[in-house]
Amino acid sequence: MAKLKTKVRSGQRGPGKSSSGDGPGNRPAETKPETSMVGKGITDNLRYLKAQEAADLRNQGLSSFWRQVQRGELPQPYRVSPQCPRWLLSDILPKKVTAANDNEA
């Protein structure tokens, strides 16, 4: 005899899934961490930045940022994986800004 498949409609829970308790369905919505550094004190120079974040800090477009990296005007990225380049914040910021933040701490 073949087993019948039952569909669970939206709003209903399957067997063993109650609406109370601390199960996965009751977790609070995860919030995305804020990546914007505008208006914040930059104190952690060991933070790794994505290409877009680094370009934004330098007030330039992404293609201009990559062009400067290829010319050697900016440091080569650290490769977390082959498709995941990252730059240290201290490598991207001008040395004057980095030195001023070190003196504040």
PDB file of N, CA and C in Angstrom:
ATOM      1  N   MET A   1       0.835  -1.160   0.000  1.00  0.00           N
ATOM      2  CA  MET A   1       0.000   0.000   0.000  1.00  0.00           C
ATOM      3  C   MET A   1       0.896   1.245   0.000  1.00  0.00           C
ATOM      4  N   ALA A   2       0.626   2.210  -0.840  1.00  0.00           N
ATOM      5  CA  ALA A   2       1.433   3.425  -0.974  1.00  0.00           C
ATOM      6  C   ALA A   2       1.060   4.429   0.109  1.00  0.00           C
ATOM      7  N   LYS A   3       2.082   5.132   0.589  1.00  0.00           N
ATOM      8  CA  LYS A   3       1.830   6.160   1.593  1.00  0.00           C
ATOM      9  C   LYS A   3       1.310   7.413   0.903  1.00  0.00           C
ATOM     10  N   LEU A   4       0.402   8.088   1.546  1.00  0.00           N
ATOM     11  CA  LEU A   4      -0.131   9.330   1.013  1.00  0.00           C
ATOM     12  C   LEU A   4       0.701  10.499   1.522  1.00  0.00           C
ATOM     13  N   LYS A   5       0.995  11.415   0.631  1.00  0.00           N
ATOM     14  CA  LYS A   5       1.722  12.615   1.028  1.00  0.00           C
ATOM     15  C   LYS A   5       0.712  13.685   1.407  1.00  0.00           C
ATOM     16  N   THR A   6       0.960  14.325   2.516  1.00  0.00           N
ATOM     17  CA  THR A   6       0.072  15.408   2.931  1.00  0.00           C
ATOM     18  C   THR A   6       0.814  16.725   2.809  1.00  0.00           C
ATOM     19  N   LYS A   7       0.113  17.727   2.364  1.00  0.00           N
ATOM     20  CA  LYS A   7       0.696  19.046   2.232  1.00  0.00           C
ATOM     21  C   LYS A   7       0.380  19.858   3.475  1.00  0.00           C
ATOM     22  N   VAL A   8       1.344  20.634   3.903  1.00  0.00           N
ATOM     23  CA  VAL A   8       1.131  21.532   5.028  1.00  0.00           C
ATOM     24  C   VAL A   8       0.866  22.910   4.445  1.00  0.00           C
ATOM     25  N   ARG A   9      -0.284  23.446   4.745  1.00  0.00           N
ATOM     26  CA  ARG A   9      -0.632  24.764   4.243  1.00  0.00           C
ATOM     27  C   ARG A   9       0.087  25.834   5.038  1.00  0.00           C
ATOM     28  N   SER A  10       0.236  27.000   4.431  1.00  0.00           N
ATOM     29  CA  SER A  10       0.895  28.084   5.151  1.00  0.00           C
ATOM     30  C   SER A  10       0.076  28.431   6.387  1.00  0.00           C
ATOM     31  N   GLY A  11       0.772  28.695   7.479  1.00  0.00           N
ATOM     32  CA  GLY A  11       0.090  28.997   8.726  1.00  0.00           C
ATOM     33  C   GLY A  11      -0.098  27.762   9.589  1.00  0.00           C
ATOM     34  N   GLN A  12       0.010  26.574   9.002  1.00  0.00           N
ATOM     35  CA  GLN A  12      -0.110  25.347   9.775  1.00  0.00           C
ATOM     36  C   GLN A  12       1.282  24.793  10.018  1.00  0.00           C
ATOM     37  N   ARG A  13       1.408  24.062  11.067  1.00  0.00           N
ATOM     38  CA  ARG A  13       2.688  23.445  11.383  1.00  0.00           C
ATOM     39  C   ARG A  13       2.574  21.951  11.193  1.00  0.00           C
ATOM     40  N   GLY A  14       3.681  21.376  10.799  1.00  0.00           N
ATOM     41  CA  GLY A  14       3.732  19.935  10.597  1.00  0.00           C
ATOM     42  C   GLY A  14       3.772  19.211  11.926  1.00  0.00           C
ATOM     43  N   PRO A  15       3.838  17.877  11.884  1.00  0.00           N
ATOM     44  CA  PRO A  15       3.871  17.103  13.121  1.00  0.00           C
ATOM     45  C   PRO A  15       5.118  17.420  13.942  1.00  0.00           C
ATOM     46  N   GLY A  16       4.931  17.589  15.242  1.00  0.00           N
ATOM     47  CA  GLY A  16       6.047  17.818  16.142  1.00  0.00           C
ATOM     48  C   GLY A  16       6.517  19.261  16.181  1.00  0.00           C
ATOM     49  N   LYS A  17       5.832  20.147  15.506  1.00  0.00           N
ATOM     50  CA  LYS A  17       6.239  21.546  15.485  1.00  0.00           C
ATOM     51  C   LYS A  17       5.144  22.382  16.118  1.00  0.00           C
ATOM     52  N   SER A  18       5.356  22.708  17.364  1.00  0.00           N
ATOM     53  CA  SER A  18       4.348  23.499  18.062  1.00  0.00           C
ATOM     54  C   SER A  18       4.658  24.976  17.889  1.00  0.00           C
ATOM     55  N   SER A  19       3.692  25.799  18.173  1.00  0.00           N
ATOM     56  CA  SER A  19       3.879  27.239  18.014  1.00  0.00           C
ATOM     57  C   SER A  19       4.509  27.863  19.249  1.00  0.00           C
ATOM     58  N   SER A  20       4.668  27.104  20.318  1.00  0.00           N
ATOM     59  CA  SER A  20       5.293  27.657  21.510  1.00  0.00           C
ATOM     60  C   SER A  20       6.661  27.018  21.696  1.00  0.00           C
ATOM     61  N   GLY A  21       7.473  27.631  22.531  1.00  0.00           N
ATOM     62  CA  GLY A  21       8.797  27.079  22.788  1.00  0.00           C
ATOM     63  C   GLY A  21       9.874  27.904  22.116  1.00  0.00           C
ATOM     64  N   ASP A  22      11.089  27.423  22.218  1.00  0.00           N
ATOM     65  CA  ASP A  22      12.234  28.155  21.687  1.00  0.00           C
ATOM     66  C   ASP A  22      12.761  27.512  20.410  1.00  0.00           C
ATOM     67  N   GLY A  23      11.928  26.988  19.608  1.00  0.00           N
ATOM     68  CA  GLY A  23      12.346  26.344  18.372  1.00  0.00           C
ATOM     69  C   GLY A  23      12.838  27.346  17.345  1.00  0.00           C
ATOM     70  N   PRO A  24      13.332  26.862  16.206  1.00  0.00           N
ATOM     71  CA  PRO A  24      13.879  27.744  15.195  1.00  0.00           C
ATOM     72  C   PRO A  24      12.866  28.732  14.637  1.00  0.00           C
ATOM     73  N   GLY A  25      11.587  28.418  14.689  1.00  0.00           N
ATOM     74  CA  GLY A  25      10.581  29.322  14.163  1.00  0.00           C
ATOM     75  C   GLY A  25      10.333  30.530  15.058  1.00  0.00           C
ATOM     76  N   ASN A  26      10.879  30.498  16.279  1.00  0.00           N
ATOM     77  CA  ASN A  26      10.634  31.590  17.215  1.00  0.00           C
ATOM     78  C   ASN A  26      11.834  32.498  17.414  1.00  0.00           C
ATOM     79  N   ARG A  27      12.828  32.393  16.567  1.00  0.00           N
ATOM     80  CA  ARG A  27      14.005  33.244  16.686  1.00  0.00           C
ATOM     81  C   ARG A  27      13.675  34.658  16.230  1.00  0.00           C
ATOM     82  N   PRO A  28      14.263  35.638  16.866  1.00  0.00           N
ATOM     83  CA  PRO A  28      14.049  37.006  16.390  1.00  0.00           C
ATOM     84  C   PRO A  28      14.742  37.197  15.043  1.00  0.00           C
ATOM     85  N   ALA A  29      14.211  38.106  14.272  1.00  0.00           N
ATOM     86  CA  ALA A  29      14.791  38.353  12.954  1.00  0.00           C
ATOM     87  C   ALA A  29      16.217  38.849  13.128  1.00  0.00           C
ATOM     88  N   GLU A  30      17.141  38.271  12.341  1.00  0.00           N
ATOM     89  CA  GLU A  30      18.534  38.677  12.422  1.00  0.00           C
ATOM     90  C   GLU A  30      18.698  40.009  11.713  1.00  0.00           C
ATOM     91  N   THR A  31      19.458  40.867  12.310  1.00  0.00           N
ATOM     92  CA  THR A  31      19.699  42.161  11.695  1.00  0.00           C
ATOM     93  C   THR A  31      21.058  42.134  11.008  1.00  0.00           C
ATOM     94  N   LYS A  32      21.130  42.814   9.890  1.00  0.00           N
ATOM     95  CA  LYS A  32      22.376  42.875   9.144  1.00  0.00           C
ATOM     96  C   LYS A  32      23.314  43.853   9.841  1.00  0.00           C
ATOM     97  N   PRO A  33      24.566  43.463  10.071  1.00  0.00           N
ATOM     98  CA  PRO A  33      25.481  44.385  10.733  1.00  0.00           C
ATOM     99  C   PRO A  33      25.736  45.615   9.870  1.00  0.00           C
ATOM    100  N   GLU A  34      25.874  46.744  10.514  1.00  0.00           N
ATOM    101  CA  GLU A  34      26.076  47.989   9.788  1.00  0.00           C
ATOM    102  C   GLU A  34      27.519  48.057   9.301  1.00  0.00           C
ATOM    103  N   THR A  35      27.705  48.314   8.010  1.00  0.00           N
ATOM    104  CA  THR A  35      29.052  48.363   7.449  1.00  0.00           C
ATOM    105  C   THR A  35      29.492  49.777   7.139  1.00  0.00           C
ATOM    106  N   SER A  36      28.582  50.741   7.201  1.00  0.00           N
ATOM    107  CA  SER A  36      28.931  52.114   6.894  1.00  0.00           C
ATOM    108  C   SER A  36      29.790  52.693   8.015  1.00  0.00           C
ATOM    109  N   MET A  37      30.852  53.393   7.646  1.00  0.00           N
ATOM    110  CA  MET A  37      31.733  53.982   8.636  1.00  0.00           C
ATOM    111  C   MET A  37      31.608  55.494   8.638  1.00  0.00           C
ATOM    112  N   VAL A  38      30.610  56.028   7.920  1.00  0.00           N
ATOM    113  CA  VAL A  38      30.414  57.466   7.848  1.00  0.00           C
ATOM    114  C   VAL A  38      29.949  57.978   9.198  1.00  0.00           C
ATOM    115  N   GLY A  39      30.598  59.002   9.702  1.00  0.00           N
ATOM    116  CA  GLY A  39      30.202  59.603  10.962  1.00  0.00           C
ATOM    117  C   GLY A  39      30.627  58.830  12.192  1.00  0.00           C
ATOM    118  N   LYS A  40      31.509  57.843  12.040  1.00  0.00           N
ATOM    119  CA  LYS A  40      31.961  57.052  13.173  1.00  0.00           C
ATOM    120  C   LYS A  40      33.458  57.226  13.336  1.00  0.00           C
ATOM    121  N   GLY A  41      33.928  57.097  14.537  1.00  0.00           N
ATOM    122  CA  GLY A  41      35.365  57.126  14.767  1.00  0.00           C
ATOM    123  C   GLY A  41      35.977  55.831  14.267  1.00  0.00           C
ATOM    124  N   ILE A  42      37.014  55.945  13.488  1.00  0.00           N
ATOM    125  CA  ILE A  42      37.657  54.746  12.948  1.00  0.00           C
ATOM    126  C   ILE A  42      38.805  54.399  13.886  1.00  0.00           C
ATOM    127  N   THR A  43      38.625  53.375  14.696  1.00  0.00           N
ATOM    128  CA  THR A  43      39.649  53.025  15.667  1.00  0.00           C
ATOM    129  C   THR A  43      40.262  51.666  15.413  1.00  0.00           C
ATOM    130  N   ASP A  44      39.561  50.786  14.746  1.00  0.00           N
ATOM    131  CA  ASP A  44      40.056  49.427  14.552  1.00  0.00           C
ATOM    132  C   ASP A  44      40.735  49.327  13.192  1.00  0.00           C
ATOM    133  N   ASN A  45      42.048  49.543  13.151  1.00  0.00           N
ATOM    134  CA  ASN A  45      42.774  49.517  11.885  1.00  0.00           C
ATOM    135  C   ASN A  45      43.024  48.107  11.376  1.00  0.00           C
ATOM    136  N   LEU A  46      42.664  47.092  12.131  1.00  0.00           N
ATOM    137  CA  LEU A  46      42.863  45.717  11.689  1.00  0.00           C
ATOM    138  C   LEU A  46      41.619  45.137  11.037  1.00  0.00           C
ATOM    139  N   ARG A  47      40.643  45.970  10.739  1.00  0.00           N
ATOM    140  CA  ARG A  47      39.413  45.516  10.106  1.00  0.00           C
ATOM    141  C   ARG A  47      39.671  45.253   8.627  1.00  0.00           C
ATOM    142  N   TYR A  48      39.111  44.156   8.110  1.00  0.00           N
ATOM    143  CA  TYR A  48      39.229  43.836   6.693  1.00  0.00           C
ATOM    144  C   TYR A  48      38.048  44.440   5.939  1.00  0.00           C
ATOM    145  N   LEU A  49      38.335  45.022   4.781  1.00  0.00           N
ATOM    146  CA  LEU A  49      37.314  45.686   3.979  1.00  0.00           C
ATOM    147  C   LEU A  49      37.135  44.988   2.641  1.00  0.00           C
ATOM    148  N   LYS A  50      35.904  44.986   2.155  1.00  0.00           N
ATOM    149  CA  LYS A  50      35.624  44.549   0.797  1.00  0.00           C
ATOM    150  C   LYS A  50      36.054  45.663  -0.148  1.00  0.00           C
ATOM    151  N   ALA A  51      36.147  45.355  -1.432  1.00  0.00           N
ATOM    152  CA  ALA A  51      36.574  46.350  -2.419  1.00  0.00           C
ATOM    153  C   ALA A  51      35.632  47.554  -2.421  1.00  0.00           C
ATOM    154  N   GLN A  52      34.330  47.325  -2.371  1.00  0.00           N
ATOM    155  CA  GLN A  52      33.370  48.420  -2.391  1.00  0.00           C
ATOM    156  C   GLN A  52      33.497  49.286  -1.144  1.00  0.00           C
ATOM    157  N   GLU A  53      33.702  48.668   0.015  1.00  0.00           N
ATOM    158  CA  GLU A  53      33.870  49.433   1.248  1.00  0.00           C
ATOM    159  C   GLU A  53      35.130  50.295   1.195  1.00  0.00           C
ATOM    160  N   ALA A  54      36.216  49.714   0.682  1.00  0.00           N
ATOM    161  CA  ALA A  54      37.476  50.457   0.574  1.00  0.00           C
ATOM    162  C   ALA A  54      37.329  51.622  -0.402  1.00  0.00           C
ATOM    163  N   ALA A  55      36.662  51.385  -1.526  1.00  0.00           N
ATOM    164  CA  ALA A  55      36.449  52.453  -2.505  1.00  0.00           C
ATOM    165  C   ALA A  55      35.587  53.564  -1.905  1.00  0.00           C
ATOM    166  N   ASP A  56      34.563  53.194  -1.149  1.00  0.00           N
ATOM    167  CA  ASP A  56      33.699  54.185  -0.515  1.00  0.00           C
ATOM    168  C   ASP A  56      34.483  55.049   0.484  1.00  0.00           C
ATOM    169  N   LEU A  57      35.373  54.430   1.250  1.00  0.00           N
ATOM    170  CA  LEU A  57      36.183  55.183   2.207  1.00  0.00           C
ATOM    171  C   LEU A  57      37.108  56.171   1.502  1.00  0.00           C
ATOM    172  N   ARG A  58      37.529  55.811   0.301  1.00  0.00           N
ATOM    173  CA  ARG A  58      38.421  56.684  -0.461  1.00  0.00           C
ATOM    174  C   ARG A  58      37.643  57.646  -1.359  1.00  0.00           C
ATOM    175  N   ASN A  59      36.316  57.612  -1.269  1.00  0.00           N
ATOM    176  CA  ASN A  59      35.450  58.478  -2.082  1.00  0.00           C
ATOM    177  C   ASN A  59      35.736  58.337  -3.569  1.00  0.00           C
ATOM    178  N   GLN A  60      35.791  57.095  -4.011  1.00  0.00           N
ATOM    179  CA  GLN A  60      36.010  56.842  -5.428  1.00  0.00           C
ATOM    180  C   GLN A  60      35.161  55.653  -5.868  1.00  0.00           C
ATOM    181  N   GLY A  61      35.038  55.517  -7.166  1.00  0.00           N
ATOM    182  CA  GLY A  61      34.270  54.412  -7.715  1.00  0.00           C
ATOM    183  C   GLY A  61      35.038  53.107  -7.621  1.00  0.00           C
ATOM    184  N   LEU A  62      34.308  52.023  -7.769  1.00  0.00           N
ATOM    185  CA  LEU A  62      34.914  50.700  -7.654  1.00  0.00           C
ATOM    186  C   LEU A  62      35.936  50.445  -8.754  1.00  0.00           C
ATOM    187  N   SER A  63      35.623  50.842  -9.984  1.00  0.00           N
ATOM    188  CA  SER A  63      36.564  50.598 -11.085  1.00  0.00           C
ATOM    189  C   SER A  63      37.832  51.430 -10.913  1.00  0.00           C
ATOM    190  N   SER A  64      37.710  52.654 -10.413  1.00  0.00           N
ATOM    191  CA  SER A  64      38.898  53.489 -10.152  1.00  0.00           C
ATOM    192  C   SER A  64      39.750  52.867  -9.049  1.00  0.00           C
ATOM    193  N   PHE A  65      39.097  52.322  -8.041  1.00  0.00           N
ATOM    194  CA  PHE A  65      39.814  51.658  -6.950  1.00  0.00           C
ATOM    195  C   PHE A  65      40.633  50.489  -7.482  1.00  0.00           C
ATOM    196  N   TRP A  66      39.989  49.617  -8.279  1.00  0.00           N
ATOM    197  CA  TRP A  66      40.689  48.451  -8.824  1.00  0.00           C
ATOM    198  C   TRP A  66      41.818  48.879  -9.767  1.00  0.00           C
ATOM    199  N   ARG A  67      41.609  49.966 -10.512  1.00  0.00           N
ATOM    200  CA  ARG A  67      42.648  50.465 -11.413  1.00  0.00           C
ATOM    201  C   ARG A  67      43.889  50.868 -10.613  1.00  0.00           C
ATOM    202  N   GLN A  68      43.692  51.535  -9.472  1.00  0.00           N
ATOM    203  CA  GLN A  68      44.818  51.926  -8.636  1.00  0.00           C
ATOM    204  C   GLN A  68      45.527  50.713  -8.042  1.00  0.00           C
ATOM    205  N   VAL A  69      44.774  49.674  -7.716  1.00  0.00           N
ATOM    206  CA  VAL A  69      45.382  48.443  -7.200  1.00  0.00           C
ATOM    207  C   VAL A  69      46.250  47.815  -8.288  1.00  0.00           C
ATOM    208  N   GLN A  70      45.743  47.766  -9.518  1.00  0.00           N
ATOM    209  CA  GLN A  70      46.504  47.154 -10.610  1.00  0.00           C
ATOM    210  C   GLN A  70      47.747  47.963 -10.958  1.00  0.00           C
ATOM    211  N   ARG A  71      47.691  49.273 -10.827  1.00  0.00           N
ATOM    212  CA  ARG A  71      48.846  50.120 -11.104  1.00  0.00           C
ATOM    213  C   ARG A  71      49.899  50.050  -9.993  1.00  0.00           C
ATOM    214  N   GLY A  72      49.525  49.529  -8.850  1.00  0.00           N
ATOM    215  CA  GLY A  72      50.444  49.464  -7.722  1.00  0.00           C
ATOM    216  C   GLY A  72      50.366  50.681  -6.815  1.00  0.00           C
ATOM    217  N   GLU A  73      49.400  51.569  -7.053  1.00  0.00           N
ATOM    218  CA  GLU A  73      49.223  52.749  -6.214  1.00  0.00           C
ATOM    219  C   GLU A  73      48.577  52.398  -4.876  1.00  0.00           C
ATOM    220  N   LEU A  74      47.875  51.294  -4.831  1.00  0.00           N
ATOM    221  CA  LEU A  74      47.277  50.764  -3.607  1.00  0.00           C
ATOM    222  C   LEU A  74      47.789  49.336  -3.427  1.00  0.00           C
ATOM    223  N   PRO A  75      47.807  48.838  -2.184  1.00  0.00           N
ATOM    224  CA  PRO A  75      48.329  47.482  -1.952  1.00  0.00           C
ATOM    225  C   PRO A  75      47.440  46.398  -2.559  1.00  0.00           C
ATOM    226  N   GLN A  76      48.070  45.282  -2.879  1.00  0.00           N
ATOM    227  CA  GLN A  76      47.326  44.124  -3.350  1.00  0.00           C
ATOM    228  C   GLN A  76      46.478  43.576  -2.201  1.00  0.00           C
ATOM    229  N   PRO A  77      45.333  42.982  -2.518  1.00  0.00           N
ATOM    230  CA  PRO A  77      44.457  42.482  -1.447  1.00  0.00           C
ATOM    231  C   PRO A  77      44.973  41.182  -0.845  1.00  0.00           C
ATOM    232  N   TYR A  78      44.512  40.913   0.359  1.00  0.00           N
ATOM    233  CA  TYR A  78      44.678  39.595   0.962  1.00  0.00           C
ATOM    234  C   TYR A  78      43.562  38.748   0.389  1.00  0.00           C
ATOM    235  N   ARG A  79      43.871  37.544  -0.006  1.00  0.00           N
ATOM    236  CA  ARG A  79      42.850  36.661  -0.594  1.00  0.00           C
ATOM    237  C   ARG A  79      42.370  35.680   0.468  1.00  0.00           C
ATOM    238  N   VAL A  80      41.171  35.930   0.988  1.00  0.00           N
ATOM    239  CA  VAL A  80      40.560  35.026   1.957  1.00  0.00           C
ATOM    240  C   VAL A  80      40.231  33.715   1.246  1.00  0.00           C
ATOM    241  N   SER A  81      39.767  33.830   0.016  1.00  0.00           N
ATOM    242  CA  SER A  81      39.577  32.710  -0.901  1.00  0.00           C
ATOM    243  C   SER A  81      39.817  33.295  -2.296  1.00  0.00           C
ATOM    244  N   PRO A  82      39.873  32.480  -3.342  1.00  0.00           N
ATOM    245  CA  PRO A  82      40.171  33.028  -4.667  1.00  0.00           C
ATOM    246  C   PRO A  82      39.228  34.145  -5.117  1.00  0.00           C
ATOM    247  N   GLN A  83      37.991  34.110  -4.710  1.00  0.00           N
ATOM    248  CA  GLN A  83      37.015  35.121  -5.118  1.00  0.00           C
ATOM    249  C   GLN A  83      36.672  36.092  -3.991  1.00  0.00           C
ATOM    250  N   CYS A  84      37.540  36.197  -2.982  1.00  0.00           N
ATOM    251  CA  CYS A  84      37.214  37.013  -1.801  1.00  0.00           C
ATOM    252  C   CYS A  84      38.399  37.899  -1.410  1.00  0.00           C
ATOM    253  N   PRO A  85      38.654  38.972  -2.176  1.00  0.00           N
ATOM    254  CA  PRO A  85      39.767  39.865  -1.819  1.00  0.00           C
ATOM    255  C   PRO A  85      39.370  40.799  -0.677  1.00  0.00           C
ATOM    256  N   ARG A  86      40.318  41.061   0.218  1.00  0.00           N
ATOM    257  CA  ARG A  86      40.076  41.966   1.343  1.00  0.00           C
ATOM    258  C   ARG A  86      41.321  42.818   1.571  1.00  0.00           C
ATOM    259  N   TRP A  87      41.101  44.053   2.069  1.00  0.00           N
ATOM    260  CA  TRP A  87      42.188  44.972   2.401  1.00  0.00           C
ATOM    261  C   TRP A  87      42.083  45.336   3.862  1.00  0.00           C
ATOM    262  N   LEU A  88      43.225  45.511   4.493  1.00  0.00           N
ATOM    263  CA  LEU A  88      43.228  46.013   5.857  1.00  0.00           C
ATOM    264  C   LEU A  88      42.876  47.490   5.824  1.00  0.00           C
ATOM    265  N   LEU A  89      42.082  47.912   6.780  1.00  0.00           N
ATOM    266  CA  LEU A  89      41.685  49.309   6.869  1.00  0.00           C
ATOM    267  C   LEU A  89      42.910  50.206   6.966  1.00  0.00           C
ATOM    268  N   SER A  90      43.914  49.784   7.724  1.00  0.00           N
ATOM    269  CA  SER A  90      45.122  50.591   7.885  1.00  0.00           C
ATOM    270  C   SER A  90      45.911  50.716   6.582  1.00  0.00           C
ATOM    271  N   ASP A  91      45.751  49.766   5.650  1.00  0.00           N
ATOM    272  CA  ASP A  91      46.428  49.846   4.352  1.00  0.00           C
ATOM    273  C   ASP A  91      45.724  50.799   3.399  1.00  0.00           C
ATOM    274  N   ILE A  92      44.432  50.995   3.596  1.00  0.00           N
ATOM    275  CA  ILE A  92      43.627  51.803   2.677  1.00  0.00           C
ATOM    276  C   ILE A  92      43.608  53.272   3.087  1.00  0.00           C
ATOM    277  N   LEU A  93      43.548  53.529   4.390  1.00  0.00           N
ATOM    278  CA  LEU A  93      43.488  54.911   4.866  1.00  0.00           C
ATOM    279  C   LEU A  93      44.821  55.611   4.658  1.00  0.00           C
ATOM    280  N   PRO A  94      44.778  56.923   4.438  1.00  0.00           N
ATOM    281  CA  PRO A  94      46.033  57.678   4.377  1.00  0.00           C
ATOM    282  C   PRO A  94      46.774  57.549   5.704  1.00  0.00           C
ATOM    283  N   LYS A  95      48.090  57.582   5.667  1.00  0.00           N
ATOM    284  CA  LYS A  95      48.897  57.383   6.882  1.00  0.00           C
ATOM    285  C   LYS A  95      48.616  58.460   7.938  1.00  0.00           C
ATOM    286  N   LYS A  96      48.254  59.675   7.524  1.00  0.00           N
ATOM    287  CA  LYS A  96      47.947  60.743   8.480  1.00  0.00           C
ATOM    288  C   LYS A  96      46.749  60.376   9.331  1.00  0.00           C
ATOM    289  N   VAL A  97      45.700  59.813   8.720  1.00  0.00           N
ATOM    290  CA  VAL A  97      44.489  59.436   9.445  1.00  0.00           C
ATOM    291  C   VAL A  97      44.798  58.285  10.393  1.00  0.00           C
ATOM    292  N   THR A  98      45.580  57.311   9.938  1.00  0.00           N
ATOM    293  CA  THR A  98      45.935  56.163  10.768  1.00  0.00           C
ATOM    294  C   THR A  98      46.737  56.600  11.987  1.00  0.00           C
ATOM    295  N   ALA A  99      47.701  57.501  11.793  1.00  0.00           N
ATOM    296  CA  ALA A  99      48.537  57.973  12.902  1.00  0.00           C
ATOM    297  C   ALA A  99      47.698  58.770  13.897  1.00  0.00           C
ATOM    298  N   ALA A 100      46.769  59.570  13.422  1.00  0.00           N
ATOM    299  CA  ALA A 100      45.917  60.345  14.320  1.00  0.00           C
ATOM    300  C   ALA A 100      45.044  59.435  15.169  1.00  0.00           C
ATOM    301  N   ASN A 101      44.540  58.345  14.599  1.00  0.00           N
ATOM    302  CA  ASN A 101      43.716  57.413  15.364  1.00  0.00           C
ATOM    303  C   ASN A 101      44.550  56.657  16.384  1.00  0.00           C
ATOM    304  N   ASP A 102      45.800  56.357  16.083  1.00  0.00           N
ATOM    305  CA  ASP A 102      46.656  55.664  17.028  1.00  0.00           C
ATOM    306  C   ASP A 102      46.964  56.564  18.235  1.00  0.00           C
ATOM    307  N   ASN A 103      47.080  57.875  18.005  1.00  0.00           N
ATOM    308  CA  ASN A 103      47.366  58.807  19.085  1.00  0.00           C
ATOM    309  C   ASN A 103      46.171  58.990  20.008  1.00  0.00           C
ATOM    310  N   GLU A 104      44.940  58.816  19.486  1.00  0.00           N
ATOM    311  CA  GLU A 104      43.728  58.970  20.299  1.00  0.00           C
ATOM    312  C   GLU A 104      43.556  57.833  21.291  1.00  0.00           C
ATOM    313  N   ALA A 105      43.988  56.636  20.910  1.00  0.00           N
ATOM    314  CA  ALA A 105      43.750  55.452  21.742  1.00  0.00           C
ATOM    315  C   ALA A 105      44.600  55.396  22.968  1.00  0.00           C
TER     316      ALA A 105
END
